[in-house]
Amino acid sequence: ASDWSSDVCSSDLVFEATGASEYIGVGIGVAEITVKVTMDGERIASVEILEQTETPGISDPAIVQMPSRIAEAGSTQVDIVSGATKTSRGIIAAVEDALSKR
């Protein structure tokens, strides 16, 4: 796969460049959630939410907390965010989808 640099793209197009240790995954919370998982060897180094249309306010704590919980644990075996169960599970599903592409 080719890596796209932002200076190659027009301002109207966005290409998400992924390196050899980066994987994109999709999960369903209330709506579709797309994440980028960066690996450091066999360990999850970071999780970034690329796109989501979850319910504002209700999903915000999960959008903020779940990526760091997963990265710190190095696993998707983490506690979900109370009050944002569907979003939390959607993020976990998206990370697991990304990890399945390794």
PDB file of N, CA and C in Angstrom:
ATOM      1  N   ALA A   1       0.843  -1.185   0.000  1.00  0.00           N
ATOM      2  CA  ALA A   1       0.000   0.000   0.000  1.00  0.00           C
ATOM      3  C   ALA A   1       0.877   1.234   0.000  1.00  0.00           C
ATOM      4  N   SER A   2       0.401   2.252  -0.652  1.00  0.00           N
ATOM      5  CA  SER A   2       1.143   3.510  -0.722  1.00  0.00           C
ATOM      6  C   SER A   2       0.785   4.393   0.451  1.00  0.00           C
ATOM      7  N   ASP A   3       1.726   5.140   0.927  1.00  0.00           N
ATOM      8  CA  ASP A   3       1.465   6.141   1.953  1.00  0.00           C
ATOM      9  C   ASP A   3       1.217   7.462   1.252  1.00  0.00           C
ATOM     10  N   TRP A   4       0.170   8.152   1.654  1.00  0.00           N
ATOM     11  CA  TRP A   4      -0.162   9.438   1.054  1.00  0.00           C
ATOM     12  C   TRP A   4       0.248  10.552   2.000  1.00  0.00           C
ATOM     13  N   SER A   5       0.915  11.517   1.474  1.00  0.00           N
ATOM     14  CA  SER A   5       1.320  12.667   2.267  1.00  0.00           C
ATOM     15  C   SER A   5       0.257  13.743   2.130  1.00  0.00           C
ATOM     16  N   SER A   6       0.033  14.498   3.201  1.00  0.00           N
ATOM     17  CA  SER A   6      -1.002  15.527   3.155  1.00  0.00           C
ATOM     18  C   SER A   6      -0.704  16.595   2.112  1.00  0.00           C
ATOM     19  N   ASP A   7       0.565  16.800   1.746  1.00  0.00           N
ATOM     20  CA  ASP A   7       0.853  17.808   0.729  1.00  0.00           C
ATOM     21  C   ASP A   7       0.590  17.295  -0.680  1.00  0.00           C
ATOM     22  N   VAL A   8       0.266  16.010  -0.809  1.00  0.00           N
ATOM     23  CA  VAL A   8      -0.085  15.450  -2.113  1.00  0.00           C
ATOM     24  C   VAL A   8      -1.586  15.617  -2.353  1.00  0.00           C
ATOM     25  N   CYS A   9      -2.356  15.707  -1.287  1.00  0.00           N
ATOM     26  CA  CYS A   9      -3.812  15.747  -1.381  1.00  0.00           C
ATOM     27  C   CYS A   9      -4.322  17.176  -1.516  1.00  0.00           C
ATOM     28  N   SER A  10      -5.446  17.318  -2.205  1.00  0.00           N
ATOM     29  CA  SER A  10      -6.088  18.629  -2.260  1.00  0.00           C
ATOM     30  C   SER A  10      -6.731  18.888  -0.909  1.00  0.00           C
ATOM     31  N   SER A  11      -7.082  20.113  -0.639  1.00  0.00           N
ATOM     32  CA  SER A  11      -7.673  20.449   0.651  1.00  0.00           C
ATOM     33  C   SER A  11      -9.056  19.829   0.815  1.00  0.00           C
ATOM     34  N   ASP A  12      -9.678  19.397  -0.281  1.00  0.00           N
ATOM     35  CA  ASP A  12     -11.001  18.794  -0.212  1.00  0.00           C
ATOM     36  C   ASP A  12     -10.964  17.296   0.081  1.00  0.00           C
ATOM     37  N   LEU A  13      -9.796  16.686  -0.031  1.00  0.00           N
ATOM     38  CA  LEU A  13      -9.673  15.249   0.183  1.00  0.00           C
ATOM     39  C   LEU A  13      -8.799  14.976   1.392  1.00  0.00           C
ATOM     40  N   VAL A  14      -9.169  13.954   2.137  1.00  0.00           N
ATOM     41  CA  VAL A  14      -8.361  13.563   3.293  1.00  0.00           C
ATOM     42  C   VAL A  14      -8.009  12.095   3.118  1.00  0.00           C
ATOM     43  N   PHE A  15      -6.729  11.784   3.099  1.00  0.00           N
ATOM     44  CA  PHE A  15      -6.259  10.418   3.040  1.00  0.00           C
ATOM     45  C   PHE A  15      -5.580  10.118   4.356  1.00  0.00           C
ATOM     46  N   GLU A  16      -5.955   9.025   4.987  1.00  0.00           N
ATOM     47  CA  GLU A  16      -5.331   8.634   6.245  1.00  0.00           C
ATOM     48  C   GLU A  16      -4.167   7.712   5.917  1.00  0.00           C
ATOM     49  N   ALA A  17      -2.965   8.211   6.130  1.00  0.00           N
ATOM     50  CA  ALA A  17      -1.766   7.407   5.870  1.00  0.00           C
ATOM     51  C   ALA A  17      -1.590   6.401   6.992  1.00  0.00           C
ATOM     52  N   THR A  18      -1.297   5.176   6.644  1.00  0.00           N
ATOM     53  CA  THR A  18      -1.022   4.168   7.655  1.00  0.00           C
ATOM     54  C   THR A  18       0.338   3.568   7.402  1.00  0.00           C
ATOM     55  N   GLY A  19       1.124   3.503   8.452  1.00  0.00           N
ATOM     56  CA  GLY A  19       2.438   2.892   8.370  1.00  0.00           C
ATOM     57  C   GLY A  19       2.314   1.392   8.579  1.00  0.00           C
ATOM     58  N   ALA A  20       3.440   0.717   8.577  1.00  0.00           N
ATOM     59  CA  ALA A  20       3.455  -0.735   8.708  1.00  0.00           C
ATOM     60  C   ALA A  20       2.854  -1.202  10.029  1.00  0.00           C
ATOM     61  N   SER A  21       2.907  -0.366  11.058  1.00  0.00           N
ATOM     62  CA  SER A  21       2.406  -0.777  12.365  1.00  0.00           C
ATOM     63  C   SER A  21       1.082  -0.101  12.721  1.00  0.00           C
ATOM     64  N   GLU A  22       0.382   0.423  11.721  1.00  0.00           N
ATOM     65  CA  GLU A  22      -0.903   1.090  11.954  1.00  0.00           C
ATOM     66  C   GLU A  22      -2.004   0.343  11.222  1.00  0.00           C
ATOM     67  N   TYR A  23      -3.138   0.185  11.909  1.00  0.00           N
ATOM     68  CA  TYR A  23      -4.246  -0.574  11.360  1.00  0.00           C
ATOM     69  C   TYR A  23      -5.549   0.183  11.593  1.00  0.00           C
ATOM     70  N   ILE A  24      -6.418   0.172  10.591  1.00  0.00           N
ATOM     71  CA  ILE A  24      -7.713   0.842  10.675  1.00  0.00           C
ATOM     72  C   ILE A  24      -8.781  -0.206  10.950  1.00  0.00           C
ATOM     73  N   GLY A  25      -9.687   0.116  11.866  1.00  0.00           N
ATOM     74  CA  GLY A  25     -10.780  -0.793  12.187  1.00  0.00           C
ATOM     75  C   GLY A  25     -12.086  -0.036  12.325  1.00  0.00           C
ATOM     76  N   VAL A  26     -13.187  -0.757  12.145  1.00  0.00           N
ATOM     77  CA  VAL A  26     -14.523  -0.165  12.235  1.00  0.00           C
ATOM     78  C   VAL A  26     -15.362  -1.000  13.182  1.00  0.00           C
ATOM     79  N   GLY A  27     -16.107  -0.317  14.035  1.00  0.00           N
ATOM     80  CA  GLY A  27     -17.037  -0.974  14.949  1.00  0.00           C
ATOM     81  C   GLY A  27     -18.327  -0.189  14.997  1.00  0.00           C
ATOM     82  N   ILE A  28     -19.343  -0.782  15.583  1.00  0.00           N
ATOM     83  CA  ILE A  28     -20.639  -0.121  15.707  1.00  0.00           C
ATOM     84  C   ILE A  28     -20.949   0.116  17.174  1.00  0.00           C
ATOM     85  N   GLY A  29     -21.164   1.380  17.519  1.00  0.00           N
ATOM     86  CA  GLY A  29     -21.658   1.746  18.839  1.00  0.00           C
ATOM     87  C   GLY A  29     -23.123   2.075  18.647  1.00  0.00           C
ATOM     88  N   VAL A  30     -23.467   3.345  18.746  1.00  0.00           N
ATOM     89  CA  VAL A  30     -24.780   3.816  18.328  1.00  0.00           C
ATOM     90  C   VAL A  30     -24.746   3.942  16.808  1.00  0.00           C
ATOM     91  N   ALA A  31     -23.587   4.320  16.303  1.00  0.00           N
ATOM     92  CA  ALA A  31     -23.333   4.453  14.861  1.00  0.00           C
ATOM     93  C   ALA A  31     -21.939   3.881  14.593  1.00  0.00           C
ATOM     94  N   GLU A  32     -21.461   4.059  13.374  1.00  0.00           N
ATOM     95  CA  GLU A  32     -20.155   3.520  12.999  1.00  0.00           C
ATOM     96  C   GLU A  32     -19.024   4.341  13.617  1.00  0.00           C
ATOM     97  N   ILE A  33     -18.015   3.646  14.111  1.00  0.00           N
ATOM     98  CA  ILE A  33     -16.832   4.268  14.716  1.00  0.00           C
ATOM     99  C   ILE A  33     -15.609   3.714  13.993  1.00  0.00           C
ATOM    100  N   THR A  34     -14.733   4.607  13.510  1.00  0.00           N
ATOM    101  CA  THR A  34     -13.508   4.191  12.836  1.00  0.00           C
ATOM    102  C   THR A  34     -12.322   4.600  13.692  1.00  0.00           C
ATOM    103  N   VAL A  35     -11.404   3.660  13.908  1.00  0.00           N
ATOM    104  CA  VAL A  35     -10.226   3.920  14.732  1.00  0.00           C
ATOM    105  C   VAL A  35      -8.956   3.567  13.967  1.00  0.00           C
ATOM    106  N   LYS A  36      -7.852   4.157  14.424  1.00  0.00           N
ATOM    107  CA  LYS A  36      -6.518   3.759  13.965  1.00  0.00           C
ATOM    108  C   LYS A  36      -5.770   3.248  15.179  1.00  0.00           C
ATOM    109  N   VAL A  37      -5.266   2.016  15.073  1.00  0.00           N
ATOM    110  CA  VAL A  37      -4.495   1.407  16.156  1.00  0.00           C
ATOM    111  C   VAL A  37      -3.038   1.377  15.717  1.00  0.00           C
ATOM    112  N   THR A  38      -2.167   1.929  16.549  1.00  0.00           N
ATOM    113  CA  THR A  38      -0.732   1.901  16.279  1.00  0.00           C
ATOM    114  C   THR A  38      -0.110   0.885  17.223  1.00  0.00           C
ATOM    115  N   MET A  39       0.666  -0.023  16.628  1.00  0.00           N
ATOM    116  CA  MET A  39       1.300  -1.087  17.397  1.00  0.00           C
ATOM    117  C   MET A  39       2.780  -0.779  17.602  1.00  0.00           C
ATOM    118  N   ASP A  40       3.287  -1.195  18.747  1.00  0.00           N
ATOM    119  CA  ASP A  40       4.714  -1.160  19.038  1.00  0.00           C
ATOM    120  C   ASP A  40       5.102  -2.612  19.270  1.00  0.00           C
ATOM    121  N   GLY A  41       5.534  -3.272  18.208  1.00  0.00           N
ATOM    122  CA  GLY A  41       5.754  -4.711  18.272  1.00  0.00           C
ATOM    123  C   GLY A  41       4.420  -5.408  18.380  1.00  0.00           C
ATOM    124  N   GLU A  42       4.228  -6.153  19.470  1.00  0.00           N
ATOM    125  CA  GLU A  42       2.958  -6.854  19.697  1.00  0.00           C
ATOM    126  C   GLU A  42       2.048  -6.090  20.656  1.00  0.00           C
ATOM    127  N   ARG A  43       2.473  -4.889  21.062  1.00  0.00           N
ATOM    128  CA  ARG A  43       1.727  -4.113  22.053  1.00  0.00           C
ATOM    129  C   ARG A  43       0.978  -2.967  21.392  1.00  0.00           C
ATOM    130  N   ILE A  44      -0.235  -2.694  21.869  1.00  0.00           N
ATOM    131  CA  ILE A  44      -1.003  -1.546  21.394  1.00  0.00           C
ATOM    132  C   ILE A  44      -0.343  -0.286  21.960  1.00  0.00           C
ATOM    133  N   ALA A  45       0.186   0.555  21.094  1.00  0.00           N
ATOM    134  CA  ALA A  45       0.853   1.784  21.532  1.00  0.00           C
ATOM    135  C   ALA A  45      -0.142   2.933  21.656  1.00  0.00           C
ATOM    136  N   SER A  46      -1.090   3.010  20.704  1.00  0.00           N
ATOM    137  CA  SER A  46      -2.084   4.089  20.771  1.00  0.00           C
ATOM    138  C   SER A  46      -3.321   3.713  19.977  1.00  0.00           C
ATOM    139  N   VAL A  47      -4.423   4.352  20.357  1.00  0.00           N
ATOM    140  CA  VAL A  47      -5.697   4.208  19.659  1.00  0.00           C
ATOM    141  C   VAL A  47      -6.198   5.615  19.392  1.00  0.00           C
ATOM    142  N   GLU A  48      -6.554   5.869  18.153  1.00  0.00           N
ATOM    143  CA  GLU A  48      -7.056   7.189  17.759  1.00  0.00           C
ATOM    144  C   GLU A  48      -8.416   7.014  17.090  1.00  0.00           C
ATOM    145  N   ILE A  49      -9.400   7.786  17.540  1.00  0.00           N
ATOM    146  CA  ILE A  49     -10.714   7.783  16.896  1.00  0.00           C
ATOM    147  C   ILE A  49     -10.592   8.658  15.650  1.00  0.00           C
ATOM    148  N   LEU A  50     -10.807   8.074  14.482  1.00  0.00           N
ATOM    149  CA  LEU A  50     -10.705   8.830  13.233  1.00  0.00           C
ATOM    150  C   LEU A  50     -12.038   9.441  12.835  1.00  0.00           C
ATOM    151  N   GLU A  51     -13.105   8.695  13.066  1.00  0.00           N
ATOM    152  CA  GLU A  51     -14.425   9.168  12.649  1.00  0.00           C
ATOM    153  C   GLU A  51     -15.480   8.529  13.522  1.00  0.00           C
ATOM    154  N   GLN A  52     -16.475   9.323  13.916  1.00  0.00           N
ATOM    155  CA  GLN A  52     -17.587   8.797  14.698  1.00  0.00           C
ATOM    156  C   GLN A  52     -18.741   9.786  14.626  1.00  0.00           C
ATOM    157  N   THR A  53     -19.936   9.257  14.718  1.00  0.00           N
ATOM    158  CA  THR A  53     -21.142  10.099  14.738  1.00  0.00           C
ATOM    159  C   THR A  53     -22.031   9.670  15.906  1.00  0.00           C
ATOM    160  N   GLU A  54     -21.380   9.372  17.015  1.00  0.00           N
ATOM    161  CA  GLU A  54     -22.109   8.976  18.218  1.00  0.00           C
ATOM    162  C   GLU A  54     -22.881  10.169  18.775  1.00  0.00           C
ATOM    163  N   THR A  55     -23.773   9.907  19.716  1.00  0.00           N
ATOM    164  CA  THR A  55     -24.596  10.957  20.317  1.00  0.00           C
ATOM    165  C   THR A  55     -23.722  11.901  21.137  1.00  0.00           C
ATOM    166  N   PRO A  56     -23.656  13.187  20.721  1.00  0.00           N
ATOM    167  CA  PRO A  56     -22.832  14.152  21.472  1.00  0.00           C
ATOM    168  C   PRO A  56     -23.285  14.220  22.939  1.00  0.00           C
ATOM    169  N   GLY A  57     -22.327  14.459  23.813  1.00  0.00           N
ATOM    170  CA  GLY A  57     -22.624  14.560  25.237  1.00  0.00           C
ATOM    171  C   GLY A  57     -22.603  13.203  25.900  1.00  0.00           C
ATOM    172  N   ILE A  58     -23.467  12.301  25.458  1.00  0.00           N
ATOM    173  CA  ILE A  58     -23.549  10.967  26.052  1.00  0.00           C
ATOM    174  C   ILE A  58     -22.291  10.157  25.748  1.00  0.00           C
ATOM    175  N   SER A  59     -21.822  10.238  24.503  1.00  0.00           N
ATOM    176  CA  SER A  59     -20.673   9.420  24.092  1.00  0.00           C
ATOM    177  C   SER A  59     -19.327  10.054  24.426  1.00  0.00           C
ATOM    178  N   ASP A  60     -19.321  11.335  24.732  1.00  0.00           N
ATOM    179  CA  ASP A  60     -18.054  12.057  24.925  1.00  0.00           C
ATOM    180  C   ASP A  60     -17.097  11.396  25.916  1.00  0.00           C
ATOM    181  N   PRO A  61     -17.564  10.954  27.093  1.00  0.00           N
ATOM    182  CA  PRO A  61     -16.614  10.327  28.017  1.00  0.00           C
ATOM    183  C   PRO A  61     -15.937   9.088  27.418  1.00  0.00           C
ATOM    184  N   ALA A  62     -16.680   8.269  26.669  1.00  0.00           N
ATOM    185  CA  ALA A  62     -16.087   7.077  26.056  1.00  0.00           C
ATOM    186  C   ALA A  62     -15.116   7.465  24.953  1.00  0.00           C
ATOM    187  N   ILE A  63     -15.460   8.467  24.155  1.00  0.00           N
ATOM    188  CA  ILE A  63     -14.590   8.915  23.063  1.00  0.00           C
ATOM    189  C   ILE A  63     -13.255   9.400  23.634  1.00  0.00           C
ATOM    190  N   VAL A  64     -13.314  10.052  24.784  1.00  0.00           N
ATOM    191  CA  VAL A  64     -12.103  10.585  25.418  1.00  0.00           C
ATOM    192  C   VAL A  64     -11.332   9.489  26.168  1.00  0.00           C
ATOM    193  N   GLN A  65     -12.027   8.655  26.925  1.00  0.00           N
ATOM    194  CA  GLN A  65     -11.364   7.727  27.850  1.00  0.00           C
ATOM    195  C   GLN A  65     -10.971   6.377  27.258  1.00  0.00           C
ATOM    196  N   MET A  66     -11.783   5.828  26.372  1.00  0.00           N
ATOM    197  CA  MET A  66     -11.533   4.459  25.902  1.00  0.00           C
ATOM    198  C   MET A  66     -10.213   4.297  25.153  1.00  0.00           C
ATOM    199  N   PRO A  67      -9.837   5.204  24.250  1.00  0.00           N
ATOM    200  CA  PRO A  67      -8.558   5.000  23.558  1.00  0.00           C
ATOM    201  C   PRO A  67      -7.367   4.880  24.524  1.00  0.00           C
ATOM    202  N   SER A  68      -7.317   5.751  25.528  1.00  0.00           N
ATOM    203  CA  SER A  68      -6.185   5.680  26.464  1.00  0.00           C
ATOM    204  C   SER A  68      -6.287   4.453  27.364  1.00  0.00           C
ATOM    205  N   ARG A  69      -7.493   4.050  27.751  1.00  0.00           N
ATOM    206  CA  ARG A  69      -7.646   2.829  28.565  1.00  0.00           C
ATOM    207  C   ARG A  69      -7.099   1.620  27.815  1.00  0.00           C
ATOM    208  N   ILE A  70      -7.454   1.527  26.528  1.00  0.00           N
ATOM    209  CA  ILE A  70      -7.021   0.384  25.720  1.00  0.00           C
ATOM    210  C   ILE A  70      -5.503   0.412  25.521  1.00  0.00           C
ATOM    211  N   ALA A  71      -4.971   1.603  25.227  1.00  0.00           N
ATOM    212  CA  ALA A  71      -3.516   1.716  25.016  1.00  0.00           C
ATOM    213  C   ALA A  71      -2.757   1.398  26.303  1.00  0.00           C
ATOM    214  N   GLU A  72      -3.224   1.920  27.442  1.00  0.00           N
ATOM    215  CA  GLU A  72      -2.542   1.673  28.712  1.00  0.00           C
ATOM    216  C   GLU A  72      -2.583   0.192  29.091  1.00  0.00           C
ATOM    217  N   ALA A  73      -3.703  -0.476  28.813  1.00  0.00           N
ATOM    218  CA  ALA A  73      -3.839  -1.894  29.130  1.00  0.00           C
ATOM    219  C   ALA A  73      -3.128  -2.764  28.089  1.00  0.00           C
ATOM    220  N   GLY A  74      -2.942  -2.187  26.895  1.00  0.00           N
ATOM    221  CA  GLY A  74      -2.360  -2.965  25.807  1.00  0.00           C
ATOM    222  C   GLY A  74      -3.302  -4.051  25.330  1.00  0.00           C
ATOM    223  N   SER A  75      -4.591  -3.848  25.585  1.00  0.00           N
ATOM    224  CA  SER A  75      -5.600  -4.876  25.321  1.00  0.00           C
ATOM    225  C   SER A  75      -6.973  -4.218  25.248  1.00  0.00           C
ATOM    226  N   THR A  76      -7.925  -4.939  24.657  1.00  0.00           N
ATOM    227  CA  THR A  76      -9.311  -4.460  24.660  1.00  0.00           C
ATOM    228  C   THR A  76     -10.069  -4.951  25.889  1.00  0.00           C
ATOM    229  N   GLN A  77      -9.386  -5.675  26.762  1.00  0.00           N
ATOM    230  CA  GLN A  77      -9.998  -6.172  28.003  1.00  0.00           C
ATOM    231  C   GLN A  77      -9.955  -5.071  29.056  1.00  0.00           C
ATOM    232  N   VAL A  78     -10.798  -4.052  28.867  1.00  0.00           N
ATOM    233  CA  VAL A  78     -10.846  -2.900  29.768  1.00  0.00           C
ATOM    234  C   VAL A  78     -12.290  -2.656  30.197  1.00  0.00           C
ATOM    235  N   ASP A  79     -12.452  -1.905  31.277  1.00  0.00           N
ATOM    236  CA  ASP A  79     -13.789  -1.533  31.723  1.00  0.00           C
ATOM    237  C   ASP A  79     -14.400  -0.539  30.746  1.00  0.00           C
ATOM    238  N   ILE A  80     -15.707  -0.691  30.503  1.00  0.00           N
ATOM    239  CA  ILE A  80     -16.395   0.271  29.651  1.00  0.00           C
ATOM    240  C   ILE A  80     -16.713   1.517  30.470  1.00  0.00           C
ATOM    241  N   VAL A  81     -17.021   2.609  29.784  1.00  0.00           N
ATOM    242  CA  VAL A  81     -17.352   3.866  30.458  1.00  0.00           C
ATOM    243  C   VAL A  81     -18.832   3.844  30.813  1.00  0.00           C
ATOM    244  N   SER A  82     -19.115   3.982  32.085  1.00  0.00           N
ATOM    245  CA  SER A  82     -20.491   3.998  32.566  1.00  0.00           C
ATOM    246  C   SER A  82     -21.271   5.127  31.901  1.00  0.00           C
ATOM    247  N   GLY A  83     -22.459   4.814  31.424  1.00  0.00           N
ATOM    248  CA  GLY A  83     -23.290   5.811  30.762  1.00  0.00           C
ATOM    249  C   GLY A  83     -23.037   5.914  29.268  1.00  0.00           C
ATOM    250  N   ALA A  84     -21.979   5.267  28.788  1.00  0.00           N
ATOM    251  CA  ALA A  84     -21.648   5.285  27.359  1.00  0.00           C
ATOM    252  C   ALA A  84     -21.290   3.871  26.912  1.00  0.00           C
ATOM    253  N   THR A  85     -22.141   2.927  27.301  1.00  0.00           N
ATOM    254  CA  THR A  85     -21.876   1.507  27.069  1.00  0.00           C
ATOM    255  C   THR A  85     -21.757   1.176  25.587  1.00  0.00           C
ATOM    256  N   LYS A  86     -22.731   1.621  24.782  1.00  0.00           N
ATOM    257  CA  LYS A  86     -22.709   1.287  23.347  1.00  0.00           C
ATOM    258  C   LYS A  86     -21.484   1.870  22.660  1.00  0.00           C
ATOM    259  N   THR A  87     -21.149   3.108  22.977  1.00  0.00           N
ATOM    260  CA  THR A  87     -19.971   3.734  22.375  1.00  0.00           C
ATOM    261  C   THR A  87     -18.705   3.010  22.811  1.00  0.00           C
ATOM    262  N   SER A  88     -18.606   2.678  24.088  1.00  0.00           N
ATOM    263  CA  SER A  88     -17.440   1.949  24.596  1.00  0.00           C
ATOM    264  C   SER A  88     -17.280   0.621  23.867  1.00  0.00           C
ATOM    265  N   ARG A  89     -18.370  -0.114  23.732  1.00  0.00           N
ATOM    266  CA  ARG A  89     -18.314  -1.409  23.050  1.00  0.00           C
ATOM    267  C   ARG A  89     -17.997  -1.247  21.568  1.00  0.00           C
ATOM    268  N   GLY A  90     -18.495  -0.163  20.962  1.00  0.00           N
ATOM    269  CA  GLY A  90     -18.185   0.104  19.559  1.00  0.00           C
ATOM    270  C   GLY A  90     -16.711   0.390  19.338  1.00  0.00           C
ATOM    271  N   ILE A  91     -16.106   1.120  20.276  1.00  0.00           N
ATOM    272  CA  ILE A  91     -14.671   1.417  20.187  1.00  0.00           C
ATOM    273  C   ILE A  91     -13.874   0.125  20.347  1.00  0.00           C
ATOM    274  N   ILE A  92     -14.258  -0.699  21.312  1.00  0.00           N
ATOM    275  CA  ILE A  92     -13.582  -1.983  21.507  1.00  0.00           C
ATOM    276  C   ILE A  92     -13.698  -2.833  20.248  1.00  0.00           C
ATOM    277  N   ALA A  93     -14.895  -2.891  19.655  1.00  0.00           N
ATOM    278  CA  ALA A  93     -15.097  -3.679  18.428  1.00  0.00           C
ATOM    279  C   ALA A  93     -14.239  -3.142  17.288  1.00  0.00           C
ATOM    280  N   ALA A  94     -14.128  -1.819  17.189  1.00  0.00           N
ATOM    281  CA  ALA A  94     -13.315  -1.214  16.126  1.00  0.00           C
ATOM    282  C   ALA A  94     -11.835  -1.556  16.315  1.00  0.00           C
ATOM    283  N   VAL A  95     -11.360  -1.508  17.556  1.00  0.00           N
ATOM    284  CA  VAL A  95      -9.963  -1.866  17.838  1.00  0.00           C
ATOM    285  C   VAL A  95      -9.725  -3.339  17.523  1.00  0.00           C
ATOM    286  N   GLU A  96     -10.659  -4.197  17.911  1.00  0.00           N
ATOM    287  CA  GLU A  96     -10.509  -5.623  17.622  1.00  0.00           C
ATOM    288  C   GLU A  96     -10.515  -5.872  16.105  1.00  0.00           C
ATOM    289  N   ASP A  97     -11.340  -5.111  15.371  1.00  0.00           N
ATOM    290  CA  ASP A  97     -11.357  -5.219  13.914  1.00  0.00           C
ATOM    291  C   ASP A  97     -10.005  -4.820  13.344  1.00  0.00           C
ATOM    292  N   ALA A  98      -9.441  -3.720  13.853  1.00  0.00           N
ATOM    293  CA  ALA A  98      -8.114  -3.277  13.383  1.00  0.00           C
ATOM    294  C   ALA A  98      -7.058  -4.333  13.688  1.00  0.00           C
ATOM    295  N   LEU A  99      -7.087  -4.896  14.880  1.00  0.00           N
ATOM    296  CA  LEU A  99      -6.097  -5.902  15.271  1.00  0.00           C
ATOM    297  C   LEU A  99      -6.222  -7.172  14.435  1.00  0.00           C
ATOM    298  N   SER A 100      -7.399  -7.467  13.936  1.00  0.00           N
ATOM    299  CA  SER A 100      -7.591  -8.667  13.111  1.00  0.00           C
ATOM    300  C   SER A 100      -6.914  -8.531  11.756  1.00  0.00           C
ATOM    301  N   LYS A 101      -6.494  -7.315  11.396  1.00  0.00           N
ATOM    302  CA  LYS A 101      -5.856  -7.050  10.101  1.00  0.00           C
ATOM    303  C   LYS A 101      -4.337  -7.154  10.152  1.00  0.00           C
ATOM    304  N   ARG A 102      -3.786  -7.494  11.315  1.00  0.00           N
ATOM    305  CA  ARG A 102      -2.333  -7.622  11.459  1.00  0.00           C
ATOM    306  C   ARG A 102      -1.830  -8.846  10.747  1.00  0.00           C
TER     307      ARG A 102
END
